[in-house]
Amino acid sequence: MKSTATNWEQQKKNEIVHFVLRDALRRVDVFVGGHFFTSYLYGQGTLRKPVLFPIIAASGSEVTRGYPLAPRPGERVDHPHHYGLWFNHGDVNGLDFWNNSEAVPEEKKRHYGTIVHKAVTGMQAGETGRLAIEKDWVTPDGEVLLTEQTTYIFSGGEHYRQIDHHTVLTAKEKKVVFEDSKEGMFALRVARQLELPSDEPAILTGEDLAPTTEKVVSQEGVTGNYLNSEGVQGYDVWGQRARWIKLSGEMQGDSIAIVIMDAPENPNHPPHWMARGYGLFGVNPFGSKVYTEGKEELNYELQPGESVAFRHRVVVVDGRDFSGEEVEEIYQEFVE
């Protein structure tokens, strides 16, 4: 019997990726095999960070939550800073880049940082499409703390989509400290169907997209479950160290699996995971204190001119679910 990795390679049969730059709308649209996959949004409306949004499986299911950018009925309306797929951190030189959104009151904005898109530096279509971006991490006073060079590598086939995320952060004129924070760093906010079932009441959008006036308890259509590389499942994956985590469930009657992978060369690998039942699915290399109840702490420093690199992969598969053994083989392909 052939290995899962070999079967995975045969299954993928990459389709052509192409881009459409819509600078007037401040976005780059990404297509796989002629089908819309995602958009890189950079400064549209009230964004405080560039993101990939929405993210759509090959089956057409939208795996990202719509709120607050494009609300859909039945969604949670919490955490207005959670949208799409993003990369930032909760405490950089005392500034909160993670929680920044238009919901922050004017008198508190001085405590928040913003990630500003600077340029699209490259777009290359093909069986793997490459989108290269420059960004700045900026204080409320306009000072650039960090420059960011990010390359997204997109690919896809009949039943899968893949995003490789390569980022290099470089400190500018002063030392930059990523203080230990549970809120970071590479994260995805998923659709309601991929949340984990819960009996806790929540504010949801109604059919008119307006939030319910009272919290309600509903598990309708909620089917998600986590599995990490160490065999931990469900709510227990939060804060645990792992090389990868899979989130699986059903959308529109079809199986969906999302896997996020962390490369061995990343800082603090294997990292802790900010994976919540309510739909936040993220990996946090610069957080340990909260996750370990104070037994570990990581405050990561960059001197002026120093850099740190990160590499992640996101795989979205429809029509089936992966076993832990299968994900591990796919992870080894990512590592190699």
C-alpha atoms as a PDB file:
ATOM      1  CA  MET A   1       0.000   0.000   0.000  1.00  0.00           C
ATOM      2  CA  LYS A   2       1.332   3.421  -0.912  1.00  0.00           C
ATOM      3  CA  SER A   3       1.977   5.931   1.859  1.00  0.00           C
ATOM      4  CA  THR A   4      -0.521   8.643   2.678  1.00  0.00           C
ATOM      5  CA  ALA A   5       2.012  11.266   1.601  1.00  0.00           C
ATOM      6  CA  THR A   6       2.283   9.671  -1.849  1.00  0.00           C
ATOM      7  CA  ASN A   7      -1.493   9.414  -2.159  1.00  0.00           C
ATOM      8  CA  TRP A   8      -1.756  13.018  -1.016  1.00  0.00           C
ATOM      9  CA  GLU A   9       0.663  14.103  -3.753  1.00  0.00           C
ATOM     10  CA  GLN A  10      -1.376  12.201  -6.334  1.00  0.00           C
ATOM     11  CA  GLN A  11      -4.635  13.604  -4.993  1.00  0.00           C
ATOM     12  CA  LYS A  12      -3.460  17.207  -5.119  1.00  0.00           C
ATOM     13  CA  LYS A  13      -2.827  17.592  -8.876  1.00  0.00           C
ATOM     14  CA  ASN A  14      -2.339  21.313  -8.476  1.00  0.00           C
ATOM     15  CA  GLU A  15      -4.509  23.622 -10.534  1.00  0.00           C
ATOM     16  CA  ILE A  16      -3.276  26.975 -11.796  1.00  0.00           C
ATOM     17  CA  VAL A  17      -3.285  29.817  -9.291  1.00  0.00           C
ATOM     18  CA  HIS A  18      -3.679  33.366 -10.558  1.00  0.00           C
ATOM     19  CA  PHE A  19      -4.099  36.792  -8.972  1.00  0.00           C
ATOM     20  CA  VAL A  20      -6.152  39.877  -9.722  1.00  0.00           C
ATOM     21  CA  LEU A  21      -4.828  43.096  -8.182  1.00  0.00           C
ATOM     22  CA  ARG A  22      -7.682  45.479  -7.340  1.00  0.00           C
ATOM     23  CA  ASP A  23      -5.712  48.377  -5.909  1.00  0.00           C
ATOM     24  CA  ALA A  24      -8.666  50.754  -5.907  1.00  0.00           C
ATOM     25  CA  LEU A  25     -10.415  48.290  -3.576  1.00  0.00           C
ATOM     26  CA  ARG A  26      -7.197  47.676  -1.616  1.00  0.00           C
ATOM     27  CA  ARG A  27      -7.137  43.934  -2.187  1.00  0.00           C
ATOM     28  CA  VAL A  28      -5.598  41.118  -4.215  1.00  0.00           C
ATOM     29  CA  ASP A  29      -7.965  38.307  -5.227  1.00  0.00           C
ATOM     30  CA  VAL A  30      -6.614  34.757  -5.393  1.00  0.00           C
ATOM     31  CA  PHE A  31      -8.075  32.145  -7.748  1.00  0.00           C
ATOM     32  CA  VAL A  32      -7.363  28.413  -7.953  1.00  0.00           C
ATOM     33  CA  GLY A  33      -8.389  26.668 -11.161  1.00  0.00           C
ATOM     34  CA  GLY A  34     -10.536  29.684 -11.996  1.00  0.00           C
ATOM     35  CA  HIS A  35     -12.411  29.503  -8.664  1.00  0.00           C
ATOM     36  CA  PHE A  36     -12.174  32.274  -6.086  1.00  0.00           C
ATOM     37  CA  PHE A  37     -10.158  31.154  -3.051  1.00  0.00           C
ATOM     38  CA  THR A  38      -9.379  34.199  -0.921  1.00  0.00           C
ATOM     39  CA  SER A  39      -8.454  37.884  -0.967  1.00  0.00           C
ATOM     40  CA  TYR A  40      -5.517  39.642   0.611  1.00  0.00           C
ATOM     41  CA  LEU A  41      -7.197  42.724   2.126  1.00  0.00           C
ATOM     42  CA  TYR A  42      -4.920  45.667   2.879  1.00  0.00           C
ATOM     43  CA  GLY A  43      -6.538  48.740   4.353  1.00  0.00           C
ATOM     44  CA  GLN A  44     -10.101  48.242   3.227  1.00  0.00           C
ATOM     45  CA  GLY A  45     -12.485  50.209   5.449  1.00  0.00           C
ATOM     46  CA  THR A  46     -11.503  50.038   9.090  1.00  0.00           C
ATOM     47  CA  LEU A  47      -8.957  47.196   9.073  1.00  0.00           C
ATOM     48  CA  ARG A  48      -6.142  47.476  11.619  1.00  0.00           C
ATOM     49  CA  LYS A  49      -4.121  44.713   9.948  1.00  0.00           C
ATOM     50  CA  PRO A  50      -3.989  43.100   6.499  1.00  0.00           C
ATOM     51  CA  VAL A  51      -5.710  39.707   6.384  1.00  0.00           C
ATOM     52  CA  LEU A  52      -6.699  36.884   4.068  1.00  0.00           C
ATOM     53  CA  PHE A  53     -10.508  36.985   3.914  1.00  0.00           C
ATOM     54  CA  PRO A  54     -12.692  35.124   3.175  1.00  0.00           C
ATOM     55  CA  ILE A  55     -11.151  31.655   2.829  1.00  0.00           C
ATOM     56  CA  ILE A  56     -13.219  29.282   0.738  1.00  0.00           C
ATOM     57  CA  ALA A  57     -12.801  25.504   0.491  1.00  0.00           C
ATOM     58  CA  ALA A  58     -12.691  23.827  -2.901  1.00  0.00           C
ATOM     59  CA  SER A  59     -16.299  22.734  -2.290  1.00  0.00           C
ATOM     60  CA  GLY A  60     -17.374  26.374  -2.038  1.00  0.00           C
ATOM     61  CA  SER A  61     -17.888  26.400   1.736  1.00  0.00           C
ATOM     62  CA  GLU A  62     -16.641  29.564   3.412  1.00  0.00           C
ATOM     63  CA  VAL A  63     -14.558  28.318   6.348  1.00  0.00           C
ATOM     64  CA  THR A  64     -13.938  31.767   7.874  1.00  0.00           C
ATOM     65  CA  ARG A  65     -16.448  33.613  10.043  1.00  0.00           C
ATOM     66  CA  GLY A  66     -18.084  36.479   8.172  1.00  0.00           C
ATOM     67  CA  TYR A  67     -18.475  38.888  11.123  1.00  0.00           C
ATOM     68  CA  PRO A  68     -17.504  41.716  11.292  1.00  0.00           C
ATOM     69  CA  LEU A  69     -16.548  42.248   7.621  1.00  0.00           C
ATOM     70  CA  ALA A  70     -19.402  40.327   5.964  1.00  0.00           C
ATOM     71  CA  PRO A  71     -21.810  38.993   8.625  1.00  0.00           C
ATOM     72  CA  ARG A  72     -23.948  35.916   8.021  1.00  0.00           C
ATOM     73  CA  PRO A  73     -26.996  34.721  10.008  1.00  0.00           C
ATOM     74  CA  GLY A  74     -26.304  32.640  13.088  1.00  0.00           C
ATOM     75  CA  GLU A  75     -22.764  33.862  13.777  1.00  0.00           C
ATOM     76  CA  ARG A  76     -21.201  34.958  17.039  1.00  0.00           C
ATOM     77  CA  VAL A  77     -20.588  38.699  17.272  1.00  0.00           C
ATOM     78  CA  ASP A  78     -17.736  38.585  19.788  1.00  0.00           C
ATOM     79  CA  HIS A  79     -14.111  39.697  19.270  1.00  0.00           C
ATOM     80  CA  PRO A  80     -14.422  42.210  16.409  1.00  0.00           C
ATOM     81  CA  HIS A  81     -10.658  41.919  15.840  1.00  0.00           C
ATOM     82  CA  HIS A  82     -11.036  38.253  14.778  1.00  0.00           C
ATOM     83  CA  TYR A  83     -11.480  38.077  11.019  1.00  0.00           C
ATOM     84  CA  GLY A  84      -9.913  35.978   8.294  1.00  0.00           C
ATOM     85  CA  LEU A  85      -6.360  34.664   8.637  1.00  0.00           C
ATOM     86  CA  TRP A  86      -3.879  37.046  10.239  1.00  0.00           C
ATOM     87  CA  PHE A  87      -0.475  37.414  11.932  1.00  0.00           C
ATOM     88  CA  ASN A  88       0.214  39.713  14.897  1.00  0.00           C
ATOM     89  CA  HIS A  89       0.797  39.750  18.662  1.00  0.00           C
ATOM     90  CA  GLY A  90      -0.805  41.074  21.831  1.00  0.00           C
ATOM     91  CA  ASP A  91       2.171  42.856  23.449  1.00  0.00           C
ATOM     92  CA  VAL A  92       4.952  44.423  21.376  1.00  0.00           C
ATOM     93  CA  ASN A  93       6.895  47.072  23.300  1.00  0.00           C
ATOM     94  CA  GLY A  94       3.789  47.473  25.450  1.00  0.00           C
ATOM     95  CA  LEU A  95       1.424  47.945  22.490  1.00  0.00           C
ATOM     96  CA  ASP A  96      -1.449  45.599  21.694  1.00  0.00           C
ATOM     97  CA  PHE A  97      -1.501  44.687  18.007  1.00  0.00           C
ATOM     98  CA  TRP A  98      -3.822  41.703  18.517  1.00  0.00           C
ATOM     99  CA  ASN A  99      -6.954  43.374  19.921  1.00  0.00           C
ATOM    100  CA  ASN A 100      -6.944  46.506  17.766  1.00  0.00           C
ATOM    101  CA  SER A 101     -10.187  47.182  15.871  1.00  0.00           C
ATOM    102  CA  GLU A 102     -12.638  49.960  15.186  1.00  0.00           C
ATOM    103  CA  ALA A 103     -14.359  49.001  18.456  1.00  0.00           C
ATOM    104  CA  VAL A 104     -11.468  50.464  20.502  1.00  0.00           C
ATOM    105  CA  PRO A 105     -12.597  53.730  22.172  1.00  0.00           C
ATOM    106  CA  GLU A 106     -10.771  56.872  21.096  1.00  0.00           C
ATOM    107  CA  GLU A 107      -9.278  57.439  24.546  1.00  0.00           C
ATOM    108  CA  LYS A 108      -7.660  53.966  24.510  1.00  0.00           C
ATOM    109  CA  LYS A 109      -6.207  53.958  20.999  1.00  0.00           C
ATOM    110  CA  ARG A 110      -2.803  55.069  22.279  1.00  0.00           C
ATOM    111  CA  HIS A 111      -2.343  51.548  23.689  1.00  0.00           C
ATOM    112  CA  TYR A 112      -2.759  49.784  20.348  1.00  0.00           C
ATOM    113  CA  GLY A 113      -0.498  49.173  17.366  1.00  0.00           C
ATOM    114  CA  THR A 114      -1.462  48.891  13.705  1.00  0.00           C
ATOM    115  CA  ILE A 115       0.006  46.787  10.899  1.00  0.00           C
ATOM    116  CA  VAL A 116       0.169  48.859   7.726  1.00  0.00           C
ATOM    117  CA  HIS A 117       0.427  47.455   4.223  1.00  0.00           C
ATOM    118  CA  LYS A 118       3.281  49.075   2.296  1.00  0.00           C
ATOM    119  CA  ALA A 119       3.554  47.306  -1.054  1.00  0.00           C
ATOM    120  CA  VAL A 120       2.860  44.245  -3.144  1.00  0.00           C
ATOM    121  CA  THR A 121       6.406  43.320  -4.150  1.00  0.00           C
ATOM    122  CA  GLY A 122       5.679  40.255  -6.247  1.00  0.00           C
ATOM    123  CA  MET A 123       2.919  38.172  -7.827  1.00  0.00           C
ATOM    124  CA  GLN A 124       3.711  34.958  -9.657  1.00  0.00           C
ATOM    125  CA  ALA A 125       0.983  32.711 -11.079  1.00  0.00           C
ATOM    126  CA  GLY A 126       1.362  28.988 -11.655  1.00  0.00           C
ATOM    127  CA  GLU A 127       0.676  25.651  -9.977  1.00  0.00           C
ATOM    128  CA  THR A 128       1.923  27.440  -6.888  1.00  0.00           C
ATOM    129  CA  GLY A 129       1.029  31.111  -6.805  1.00  0.00           C
ATOM    130  CA  ARG A 130       3.336  33.458  -4.883  1.00  0.00           C
ATOM    131  CA  LEU A 131       2.249  36.774  -3.407  1.00  0.00           C
ATOM    132  CA  ALA A 132       5.001  38.850  -1.727  1.00  0.00           C
ATOM    133  CA  ILE A 133       4.062  41.688   0.620  1.00  0.00           C
ATOM    134  CA  GLU A 134       5.783  44.411   2.660  1.00  0.00           C
ATOM    135  CA  LYS A 135       4.161  45.682   5.864  1.00  0.00           C
ATOM    136  CA  ASP A 136       5.098  47.927   8.803  1.00  0.00           C
ATOM    137  CA  TRP A 137       4.205  47.460  12.478  1.00  0.00           C
ATOM    138  CA  VAL A 138       3.414  51.023  13.560  1.00  0.00           C
ATOM    139  CA  THR A 139       2.845  52.781  16.902  1.00  0.00           C
ATOM    140  CA  PRO A 140      -0.043  55.242  17.449  1.00  0.00           C
ATOM    141  CA  ASP A 141       2.512  58.027  16.905  1.00  0.00           C
ATOM    142  CA  GLY A 142       3.488  56.680  13.496  1.00  0.00           C
ATOM    143  CA  GLU A 143       6.828  55.165  14.518  1.00  0.00           C
ATOM    144  CA  VAL A 144       7.740  51.943  12.696  1.00  0.00           C
ATOM    145  CA  LEU A 145       8.782  49.293  15.214  1.00  0.00           C
ATOM    146  CA  LEU A 146       9.106  46.403  12.768  1.00  0.00           C
ATOM    147  CA  THR A 147       9.206  45.825   9.051  1.00  0.00           C
ATOM    148  CA  GLU A 148       7.527  42.666   7.799  1.00  0.00           C
ATOM    149  CA  GLN A 149       8.327  40.731   4.643  1.00  0.00           C
ATOM    150  CA  THR A 150       5.679  38.084   3.997  1.00  0.00           C
ATOM    151  CA  THR A 151       5.255  35.617   1.170  1.00  0.00           C
ATOM    152  CA  TYR A 152       2.020  33.686   0.759  1.00  0.00           C
ATOM    153  CA  ILE A 153       2.288  30.569  -1.405  1.00  0.00           C
ATOM    154  CA  PHE A 154      -1.103  29.337  -2.617  1.00  0.00           C
ATOM    155  CA  SER A 155      -1.974  26.010  -4.225  1.00  0.00           C
ATOM    156  CA  GLY A 156      -5.019  23.809  -4.651  1.00  0.00           C
ATOM    157  CA  GLY A 157      -6.770  20.976  -6.393  1.00  0.00           C
ATOM    158  CA  GLU A 158     -10.176  19.357  -6.714  1.00  0.00           C
ATOM    159  CA  HIS A 159     -10.730  18.854  -2.980  1.00  0.00           C
ATOM    160  CA  TYR A 160      -8.040  20.868  -1.254  1.00  0.00           C
ATOM    161  CA  ARG A 161      -6.595  24.322  -0.777  1.00  0.00           C
ATOM    162  CA  GLN A 162      -3.223  25.212   0.745  1.00  0.00           C
ATOM    163  CA  ILE A 163      -1.564  28.377   2.056  1.00  0.00           C
ATOM    164  CA  ASP A 164       2.104  28.539   3.015  1.00  0.00           C
ATOM    165  CA  HIS A 165       2.909  31.589   5.112  1.00  0.00           C
ATOM    166  CA  HIS A 166       6.533  32.778   5.311  1.00  0.00           C
ATOM    167  CA  THR A 167       7.212  35.911   7.382  1.00  0.00           C
ATOM    168  CA  VAL A 168      10.372  37.760   8.407  1.00  0.00           C
ATOM    169  CA  LEU A 169      10.111  40.507  11.049  1.00  0.00           C
ATOM    170  CA  THR A 170      12.997  42.994  11.396  1.00  0.00           C
ATOM    171  CA  ALA A 171      13.409  45.513  14.216  1.00  0.00           C
ATOM    172  CA  LYS A 172      13.930  49.082  13.015  1.00  0.00           C
ATOM    173  CA  GLU A 173      15.558  51.803  15.143  1.00  0.00           C
ATOM    174  CA  LYS A 174      15.067  50.412  18.643  1.00  0.00           C
ATOM    175  CA  LYS A 175      14.930  47.142  20.523  1.00  0.00           C
ATOM    176  CA  VAL A 176      11.632  45.309  20.098  1.00  0.00           C
ATOM    177  CA  VAL A 177      10.301  43.027  22.812  1.00  0.00           C
ATOM    178  CA  PHE A 178       7.496  40.539  22.197  1.00  0.00           C
ATOM    179  CA  GLU A 179       6.273  40.234  25.774  1.00  0.00           C
ATOM    180  CA  ASP A 180       4.836  36.884  26.748  1.00  0.00           C
ATOM    181  CA  SER A 181       1.139  37.059  25.849  1.00  0.00           C
ATOM    182  CA  LYS A 182      -1.538  34.458  25.274  1.00  0.00           C
ATOM    183  CA  GLU A 183      -2.851  36.561  22.384  1.00  0.00           C
ATOM    184  CA  GLY A 184      -0.937  35.652  19.272  1.00  0.00           C
ATOM    185  CA  MET A 185       0.177  35.025  16.677  1.00  0.00           C
ATOM    186  CA  PHE A 186      -0.827  33.233  13.443  1.00  0.00           C
ATOM    187  CA  ALA A 187      -4.568  32.711  13.642  1.00  0.00           C
ATOM    188  CA  LEU A 188      -7.803  31.940  11.835  1.00  0.00           C
ATOM    189  CA  ARG A 189     -11.387  32.664  12.960  1.00  0.00           C
ATOM    190  CA  VAL A 190     -13.612  29.908  11.608  1.00  0.00           C
ATOM    191  CA  ALA A 191     -17.239  29.669  10.561  1.00  0.00           C
ATOM    192  CA  ARG A 192     -19.949  28.805  13.082  1.00  0.00           C
ATOM    193  CA  GLN A 193     -20.245  25.214  11.792  1.00  0.00           C
ATOM    194  CA  LEU A 194     -16.610  24.514  12.721  1.00  0.00           C
ATOM    195  CA  GLU A 195     -16.895  25.707  16.313  1.00  0.00           C
ATOM    196  CA  LEU A 196     -16.993  23.071  19.047  1.00  0.00           C
ATOM    197  CA  PRO A 197     -20.445  22.327  20.510  1.00  0.00           C
ATOM    198  CA  SER A 198     -21.102  24.250  23.727  1.00  0.00           C
ATOM    199  CA  ASP A 199     -23.893  24.803  26.238  1.00  0.00           C
ATOM    200  CA  GLU A 200     -22.722  28.334  26.973  1.00  0.00           C
ATOM    201  CA  PRO A 201     -25.093  31.082  25.785  1.00  0.00           C
ATOM    202  CA  ALA A 202     -23.868  33.543  23.165  1.00  0.00           C
ATOM    203  CA  ILE A 203     -25.014  36.584  21.207  1.00  0.00           C
ATOM    204  CA  LEU A 204     -25.663  35.531  17.595  1.00  0.00           C
ATOM    205  CA  THR A 205     -26.747  37.339  14.446  1.00  0.00           C
ATOM    206  CA  GLY A 206     -30.346  36.837  13.376  1.00  0.00           C
ATOM    207  CA  GLU A 207     -31.691  36.411   9.856  1.00  0.00           C
ATOM    208  CA  ASP A 208     -31.630  40.210   9.554  1.00  0.00           C
ATOM    209  CA  LEU A 209     -27.917  40.106  10.609  1.00  0.00           C
ATOM    210  CA  ALA A 210     -28.726  42.116  13.750  1.00  0.00           C
ATOM    211  CA  PRO A 211     -27.369  40.663  17.024  1.00  0.00           C
ATOM    212  CA  THR A 212     -29.861  38.927  19.276  1.00  0.00           C
ATOM    213  CA  THR A 213     -30.943  41.091  22.202  1.00  0.00           C
ATOM    214  CA  GLU A 214     -30.201  38.265  24.654  1.00  0.00           C
ATOM    215  CA  LYS A 215     -27.712  35.433  24.740  1.00  0.00           C
ATOM    216  CA  VAL A 216     -29.044  32.142  23.398  1.00  0.00           C
ATOM    217  CA  VAL A 217     -27.932  28.529  23.660  1.00  0.00           C
ATOM    218  CA  SER A 218     -27.754  26.846  20.282  1.00  0.00           C
ATOM    219  CA  GLN A 219     -25.735  23.983  18.874  1.00  0.00           C
ATOM    220  CA  GLU A 220     -27.552  23.922  15.561  1.00  0.00           C
ATOM    221  CA  GLY A 221     -25.102  23.026  12.807  1.00  0.00           C
ATOM    222  CA  VAL A 222     -22.088  23.215  15.172  1.00  0.00           C
ATOM    223  CA  THR A 223     -19.877  20.186  14.430  1.00  0.00           C
ATOM    224  CA  GLY A 224     -16.213  21.037  15.051  1.00  0.00           C
ATOM    225  CA  ASN A 225     -13.549  19.073  16.906  1.00  0.00           C
ATOM    226  CA  TYR A 226      -9.804  19.592  17.382  1.00  0.00           C
ATOM    227  CA  LEU A 227      -7.034  16.987  17.255  1.00  0.00           C
ATOM    228  CA  ASN A 228      -3.376  17.883  17.837  1.00  0.00           C
ATOM    229  CA  SER A 229      -0.124  16.143  16.973  1.00  0.00           C
ATOM    230  CA  GLU A 230       0.106  14.705  20.497  1.00  0.00           C
ATOM    231  CA  GLY A 231      -3.294  13.013  20.296  1.00  0.00           C
ATOM    232  CA  VAL A 232      -5.137  15.579  22.453  1.00  0.00           C
ATOM    233  CA  GLN A 233      -8.700  16.351  21.306  1.00  0.00           C
ATOM    234  CA  GLY A 234     -11.491  18.855  21.769  1.00  0.00           C
ATOM    235  CA  TYR A 235     -11.282  21.752  24.216  1.00  0.00           C
ATOM    236  CA  ASP A 236      -8.175  20.269  25.832  1.00  0.00           C
ATOM    237  CA  VAL A 237      -5.889  21.346  22.960  1.00  0.00           C
ATOM    238  CA  TRP A 238      -5.939  24.964  24.205  1.00  0.00           C
ATOM    239  CA  GLY A 239      -2.527  26.040  25.462  1.00  0.00           C
ATOM    240  CA  GLN A 240      -0.909  22.665  24.777  1.00  0.00           C
ATOM    241  CA  ARG A 241       2.331  22.370  22.824  1.00  0.00           C
ATOM    242  CA  ALA A 242       1.945  20.664  19.456  1.00  0.00           C
ATOM    243  CA  ARG A 243       3.480  20.607  15.985  1.00  0.00           C
ATOM    244  CA  TRP A 244       0.109  20.809  14.254  1.00  0.00           C
ATOM    245  CA  ILE A 245      -3.605  20.926  15.005  1.00  0.00           C
ATOM    246  CA  LYS A 246      -6.491  19.711  12.873  1.00  0.00           C
ATOM    247  CA  LEU A 247      -9.995  21.178  13.136  1.00  0.00           C
ATOM    248  CA  SER A 248     -12.668  19.072  11.435  1.00  0.00           C
ATOM    249  CA  GLY A 249     -16.421  19.234  11.039  1.00  0.00           C
ATOM    250  CA  GLU A 250     -19.200  19.473   8.472  1.00  0.00           C
ATOM    251  CA  MET A 251     -20.395  22.305   6.245  1.00  0.00           C
ATOM    252  CA  GLN A 252     -23.277  22.031   3.813  1.00  0.00           C
ATOM    253  CA  GLY A 253     -23.414  18.287   4.433  1.00  0.00           C
ATOM    254  CA  ASP A 254     -19.764  17.841   3.485  1.00  0.00           C
ATOM    255  CA  SER A 255     -16.751  16.943   5.605  1.00  0.00           C
ATOM    256  CA  ILE A 256     -14.231  19.754   6.108  1.00  0.00           C
ATOM    257  CA  ALA A 257     -10.797  19.564   7.724  1.00  0.00           C
ATOM    258  CA  ILE A 258      -8.429  22.467   8.386  1.00  0.00           C
ATOM    259  CA  VAL A 259      -4.869  21.803   9.518  1.00  0.00           C
ATOM    260  CA  ILE A 260      -2.416  24.474  10.712  1.00  0.00           C
ATOM    261  CA  MET A 261       1.243  23.439  10.897  1.00  0.00           C
ATOM    262  CA  ASP A 262       4.208  25.051  12.649  1.00  0.00           C
ATOM    263  CA  ALA A 263       7.704  24.565  11.179  1.00  0.00           C
ATOM    264  CA  PRO A 264      10.458  23.090  13.425  1.00  0.00           C
ATOM    265  CA  GLU A 265      12.746  26.085  12.831  1.00  0.00           C
ATOM    266  CA  ASN A 266      10.187  28.547  14.244  1.00  0.00           C
ATOM    267  CA  PRO A 267      10.912  30.103  17.660  1.00  0.00           C
ATOM    268  CA  ASN A 268       9.692  28.153  20.697  1.00  0.00           C
ATOM    269  CA  HIS A 269       8.752  25.092  18.650  1.00  0.00           C
ATOM    270  CA  PRO A 270       6.604  23.148  19.313  1.00  0.00           C
ATOM    271  CA  PRO A 271       4.472  26.164  20.237  1.00  0.00           C
ATOM    272  CA  HIS A 272       1.447  26.633  22.431  1.00  0.00           C
ATOM    273  CA  TRP A 273      -1.892  26.895  20.626  1.00  0.00           C
ATOM    274  CA  MET A 274      -4.560  29.553  21.056  1.00  0.00           C
ATOM    275  CA  ALA A 275      -7.267  27.140  19.883  1.00  0.00           C
ATOM    276  CA  ARG A 276     -10.672  27.931  21.349  1.00  0.00           C
ATOM    277  CA  GLY A 277     -13.989  26.145  21.065  1.00  0.00           C
ATOM    278  CA  TYR A 278     -15.740  29.331  19.916  1.00  0.00           C
ATOM    279  CA  GLY A 279     -13.803  29.362  16.657  1.00  0.00           C
ATOM    280  CA  LEU A 280     -10.431  31.020  17.265  1.00  0.00           C
ATOM    281  CA  PHE A 281      -7.786  28.697  15.801  1.00  0.00           C
ATOM    282  CA  GLY A 282      -4.246  29.991  16.250  1.00  0.00           C
ATOM    283  CA  VAL A 283      -0.634  29.132  17.012  1.00  0.00           C
ATOM    284  CA  ASN A 284       1.339  31.247  19.493  1.00  0.00           C
ATOM    285  CA  PRO A 285       5.156  30.932  19.613  1.00  0.00           C
ATOM    286  CA  PHE A 286       5.528  34.018  21.848  1.00  0.00           C
ATOM    287  CA  GLY A 287       3.219  32.947  24.648  1.00  0.00           C
ATOM    288  CA  SER A 288       3.948  30.486  27.474  1.00  0.00           C
ATOM    289  CA  LYS A 289       3.161  32.085  30.831  1.00  0.00           C
ATOM    290  CA  VAL A 290      -0.633  31.809  30.819  1.00  0.00           C
ATOM    291  CA  TYR A 291      -0.607  28.410  29.135  1.00  0.00           C
ATOM    292  CA  THR A 292       1.742  26.938  31.765  1.00  0.00           C
ATOM    293  CA  GLU A 293       0.267  28.762  34.790  1.00  0.00           C
ATOM    294  CA  GLY A 294       3.508  30.698  35.209  1.00  0.00           C
ATOM    295  CA  LYS A 295       5.907  27.743  35.032  1.00  0.00           C
ATOM    296  CA  GLU A 296       7.374  29.049  31.757  1.00  0.00           C
ATOM    297  CA  GLU A 297       7.766  32.568  30.363  1.00  0.00           C
ATOM    298  CA  LEU A 298       9.102  33.802  27.027  1.00  0.00           C
ATOM    299  CA  ASN A 299       9.885  37.464  26.313  1.00  0.00           C
ATOM    300  CA  TYR A 300      11.458  37.475  22.858  1.00  0.00           C
ATOM    301  CA  GLU A 301      13.783  40.363  21.998  1.00  0.00           C
ATOM    302  CA  LEU A 302      15.082  41.756  18.716  1.00  0.00           C
ATOM    303  CA  GLN A 303      17.892  44.284  18.713  1.00  0.00           C
ATOM    304  CA  PRO A 304      17.823  47.031  16.020  1.00  0.00           C
ATOM    305  CA  GLY A 305      18.396  45.382  12.645  1.00  0.00           C
ATOM    306  CA  GLU A 306      17.829  41.844  13.945  1.00  0.00           C
ATOM    307  CA  SER A 307      15.243  39.572  12.322  1.00  0.00           C
ATOM    308  CA  VAL A 308      13.137  36.554  13.197  1.00  0.00           C
ATOM    309  CA  ALA A 309      11.471  34.230  10.687  1.00  0.00           C
ATOM    310  CA  PHE A 310       8.311  32.117  10.824  1.00  0.00           C
ATOM    311  CA  ARG A 311       6.909  29.446   8.529  1.00  0.00           C
ATOM    312  CA  HIS A 312       3.409  27.973   8.690  1.00  0.00           C
ATOM    313  CA  ARG A 313       1.123  25.948   6.450  1.00  0.00           C
ATOM    314  CA  VAL A 314      -2.680  25.866   6.323  1.00  0.00           C
ATOM    315  CA  VAL A 315      -4.417  22.992   4.517  1.00  0.00           C
ATOM    316  CA  VAL A 316      -8.186  22.922   3.873  1.00  0.00           C
ATOM    317  CA  VAL A 317      -9.651  19.647   2.610  1.00  0.00           C
ATOM    318  CA  ASP A 318     -13.276  18.843   1.794  1.00  0.00           C
ATOM    319  CA  GLY A 319     -15.044  15.560   1.174  1.00  0.00           C
ATOM    320  CA  ARG A 320     -13.116  13.654   3.842  1.00  0.00           C
ATOM    321  CA  ASP A 321     -11.382  13.899   7.188  1.00  0.00           C
ATOM    322  CA  PHE A 322      -7.756  13.037   7.952  1.00  0.00           C
ATOM    323  CA  SER A 323      -6.636  10.667  10.669  1.00  0.00           C
ATOM    324  CA  GLY A 324      -3.835  11.803  12.956  1.00  0.00           C
ATOM    325  CA  GLU A 325      -1.440   9.445  11.163  1.00  0.00           C
ATOM    326  CA  GLU A 326      -2.320  10.956   7.803  1.00  0.00           C
ATOM    327  CA  VAL A 327      -1.833  14.497   9.060  1.00  0.00           C
ATOM    328  CA  GLU A 328       1.542  13.500  10.490  1.00  0.00           C
ATOM    329  CA  GLU A 329       2.705  12.258   7.088  1.00  0.00           C
ATOM    330  CA  ILE A 330       1.519  15.479   5.460  1.00  0.00           C
ATOM    331  CA  TYR A 331       3.324  17.425   8.185  1.00  0.00           C
ATOM    332  CA  GLN A 332       6.553  15.571   7.423  1.00  0.00           C
ATOM    333  CA  GLU A 333       6.148  16.605   3.779  1.00  0.00           C
ATOM    334  CA  PHE A 334       5.834  20.211   4.970  1.00  0.00           C
ATOM    335  CA  VAL A 335       8.949  19.857   7.129  1.00  0.00           C
ATOM    336  CA  GLU A 336      11.022  18.347   4.330  1.00  0.00           C
END
